[in-house]
N, C-alpha and C. Protein backbone atom coordinates (compact mmCIF):
# COMPACT_ATOMS: atom_id res chain seq x y z
N UNK A 1 0.84 -1.17 0.00
CA UNK A 1 0.00 0.00 0.00
C UNK A 1 0.89 1.25 0.00
N UNK A 2 0.55 2.24 -0.81
CA UNK A 2 1.34 3.45 -0.91
C UNK A 2 1.19 4.30 0.34
N UNK A 3 2.30 4.85 0.75
CA UNK A 3 2.31 5.70 1.94
C UNK A 3 1.96 7.13 1.53
N UNK A 4 1.06 7.75 2.26
CA UNK A 4 0.64 9.12 1.99
C UNK A 4 1.73 10.08 2.47
N UNK A 5 2.02 11.09 1.65
CA UNK A 5 3.03 12.08 2.01
C UNK A 5 2.33 13.41 2.24
N UNK A 6 2.55 13.98 3.41
CA UNK A 6 1.95 15.27 3.70
C UNK A 6 2.78 16.36 3.03
N UNK A 7 2.09 17.26 2.35
CA UNK A 7 2.77 18.37 1.68
C UNK A 7 3.00 19.47 2.69
N UNK A 8 4.26 19.87 2.81
CA UNK A 8 4.60 20.98 3.69
C UNK A 8 4.90 22.21 2.85
N UNK A 9 4.91 23.33 3.48
CA UNK A 9 5.23 24.56 2.74
C UNK A 9 6.64 24.49 2.18
N UNK A 10 7.55 23.80 2.88
CA UNK A 10 8.91 23.64 2.38
C UNK A 10 8.93 22.82 1.09
N UNK A 11 8.14 21.75 1.05
CA UNK A 11 8.07 20.93 -0.17
C UNK A 11 7.50 21.72 -1.33
N UNK A 12 6.47 22.50 -1.05
CA UNK A 12 5.87 23.32 -2.11
C UNK A 12 6.88 24.33 -2.64
N UNK A 13 7.64 24.95 -1.74
CA UNK A 13 8.64 25.92 -2.17
C UNK A 13 9.73 25.26 -3.01
N UNK A 14 10.13 24.05 -2.65
CA UNK A 14 11.14 23.33 -3.44
C UNK A 14 10.62 23.03 -4.84
N UNK A 15 9.37 22.63 -4.95
CA UNK A 15 8.79 22.34 -6.26
C UNK A 15 8.68 23.62 -7.08
N UNK A 16 8.23 24.69 -6.46
CA UNK A 16 8.12 25.97 -7.17
C UNK A 16 9.50 26.46 -7.62
N UNK A 17 10.51 26.26 -6.79
CA UNK A 17 11.87 26.64 -7.15
C UNK A 17 12.35 25.82 -8.36
N UNK A 18 12.04 24.54 -8.36
CA UNK A 18 12.43 23.69 -9.49
C UNK A 18 11.73 24.15 -10.77
N UNK A 19 10.45 24.49 -10.66
CA UNK A 19 9.70 24.98 -11.82
C UNK A 19 10.34 26.26 -12.35
N UNK A 20 10.71 27.16 -11.46
CA UNK A 20 11.35 28.41 -11.85
C UNK A 20 12.64 28.14 -12.63
N UNK A 21 13.47 27.24 -12.11
CA UNK A 21 14.75 26.96 -12.77
C UNK A 21 14.55 26.28 -14.12
N UNK A 22 13.56 25.43 -14.23
CA UNK A 22 13.26 24.80 -15.52
C UNK A 22 12.82 25.87 -16.51
N UNK A 23 11.98 26.81 -16.07
CA UNK A 23 11.55 27.88 -16.96
C UNK A 23 12.72 28.75 -17.42
N UNK A 24 13.64 29.03 -16.53
CA UNK A 24 14.82 29.81 -16.90
C UNK A 24 15.66 29.05 -17.94
N UNK A 25 15.81 27.75 -17.75
CA UNK A 25 16.54 26.94 -18.71
C UNK A 25 15.80 26.90 -20.05
N UNK A 26 14.48 26.90 -19.99
CA UNK A 26 13.69 26.91 -21.23
C UNK A 26 13.95 28.18 -22.04
N UNK A 27 14.10 29.31 -21.36
CA UNK A 27 14.37 30.57 -22.06
C UNK A 27 15.66 30.48 -22.86
N UNK A 28 16.65 29.83 -22.28
CA UNK A 28 17.94 29.69 -22.96
C UNK A 28 17.84 28.66 -24.08
N UNK A 29 17.25 27.52 -23.78
CA UNK A 29 17.18 26.43 -24.75
C UNK A 29 16.32 26.78 -25.96
N UNK A 30 15.33 27.63 -25.76
CA UNK A 30 14.43 27.99 -26.85
C UNK A 30 15.18 28.55 -28.06
N UNK A 31 16.23 29.31 -27.80
CA UNK A 31 17.00 29.93 -28.87
C UNK A 31 18.00 28.99 -29.52
N UNK A 32 18.41 27.95 -28.81
CA UNK A 32 19.52 27.13 -29.29
C UNK A 32 19.16 25.69 -29.66
N UNK A 33 18.24 25.10 -28.93
CA UNK A 33 18.00 23.66 -29.11
C UNK A 33 16.53 23.34 -28.90
N UNK A 34 15.83 23.14 -30.00
CA UNK A 34 14.38 22.90 -29.93
C UNK A 34 14.05 21.64 -29.13
N UNK A 35 14.83 20.59 -29.31
CA UNK A 35 14.58 19.32 -28.60
C UNK A 35 14.75 19.50 -27.09
N UNK A 36 15.79 20.19 -26.69
CA UNK A 36 16.00 20.46 -25.26
C UNK A 36 14.85 21.28 -24.71
N UNK A 37 14.38 22.24 -25.47
CA UNK A 37 13.24 23.06 -25.05
C UNK A 37 12.01 22.19 -24.83
N UNK A 38 11.75 21.27 -25.74
CA UNK A 38 10.59 20.37 -25.62
C UNK A 38 10.70 19.49 -24.38
N UNK A 39 11.89 18.97 -24.13
CA UNK A 39 12.10 18.11 -22.95
C UNK A 39 11.91 18.92 -21.67
N UNK A 40 12.45 20.13 -21.63
CA UNK A 40 12.28 20.99 -20.46
C UNK A 40 10.81 21.37 -20.26
N UNK A 41 10.11 21.59 -21.36
CA UNK A 41 8.69 21.92 -21.29
C UNK A 41 7.90 20.76 -20.68
N UNK A 42 8.23 19.54 -21.09
CA UNK A 42 7.58 18.36 -20.52
C UNK A 42 7.91 18.21 -19.03
N UNK A 43 9.15 18.51 -18.67
CA UNK A 43 9.55 18.44 -17.26
C UNK A 43 8.78 19.46 -16.43
N UNK A 44 8.63 20.66 -16.97
CA UNK A 44 7.88 21.70 -16.25
C UNK A 44 6.43 21.28 -16.08
N UNK A 45 5.82 20.77 -17.14
CA UNK A 45 4.43 20.31 -17.06
C UNK A 45 4.28 19.21 -16.03
N UNK A 46 5.24 18.31 -15.98
CA UNK A 46 5.21 17.22 -15.02
C UNK A 46 5.31 17.74 -13.59
N UNK A 47 6.19 18.70 -13.35
CA UNK A 47 6.32 19.30 -12.02
C UNK A 47 5.05 20.02 -11.60
N UNK A 48 4.43 20.73 -12.54
CA UNK A 48 3.18 21.44 -12.23
C UNK A 48 2.10 20.44 -11.89
N UNK A 49 1.99 19.37 -12.67
CA UNK A 49 0.98 18.33 -12.39
C UNK A 49 1.23 17.70 -11.02
N UNK A 50 2.49 17.43 -10.72
CA UNK A 50 2.86 16.85 -9.43
C UNK A 50 2.46 17.79 -8.29
N UNK A 51 2.76 19.06 -8.44
CA UNK A 51 2.41 20.04 -7.43
C UNK A 51 0.90 20.09 -7.21
N UNK A 52 0.15 20.13 -8.28
CA UNK A 52 -1.31 20.17 -8.18
C UNK A 52 -1.83 18.93 -7.48
N UNK A 53 -1.34 17.78 -7.85
CA UNK A 53 -1.79 16.53 -7.24
C UNK A 53 -1.44 16.47 -5.76
N UNK A 54 -0.26 16.97 -5.40
CA UNK A 54 0.14 16.96 -3.99
C UNK A 54 -0.73 17.88 -3.16
N UNK A 55 -1.04 19.04 -3.71
CA UNK A 55 -1.88 19.99 -2.97
C UNK A 55 -3.31 19.46 -2.87
N UNK A 56 -3.83 18.90 -3.95
CA UNK A 56 -5.18 18.32 -3.91
C UNK A 56 -5.25 17.16 -2.92
N UNK A 57 -4.20 16.37 -2.90
CA UNK A 57 -4.17 15.20 -2.02
C UNK A 57 -4.09 15.56 -0.55
N UNK A 58 -3.60 16.75 -0.25
CA UNK A 58 -3.44 17.15 1.15
C UNK A 58 -4.67 17.85 1.70
N UNK A 59 -5.64 18.11 0.83
CA UNK A 59 -6.86 18.80 1.29
C UNK A 59 -7.79 17.87 2.02
């Protein structure tokens, strides 16, 4: 059985920080490497989905 993880404000801040850094990398990659940009975009979407699911799960 999966163990439930409580979302703390520290965890949320870490996820938001990761999203910020991925977005900054996307700005750079957009000009130089389309494939890297697409991969970073997928990573950002995944982090956002994870954050939403964690917050919904803690309600």
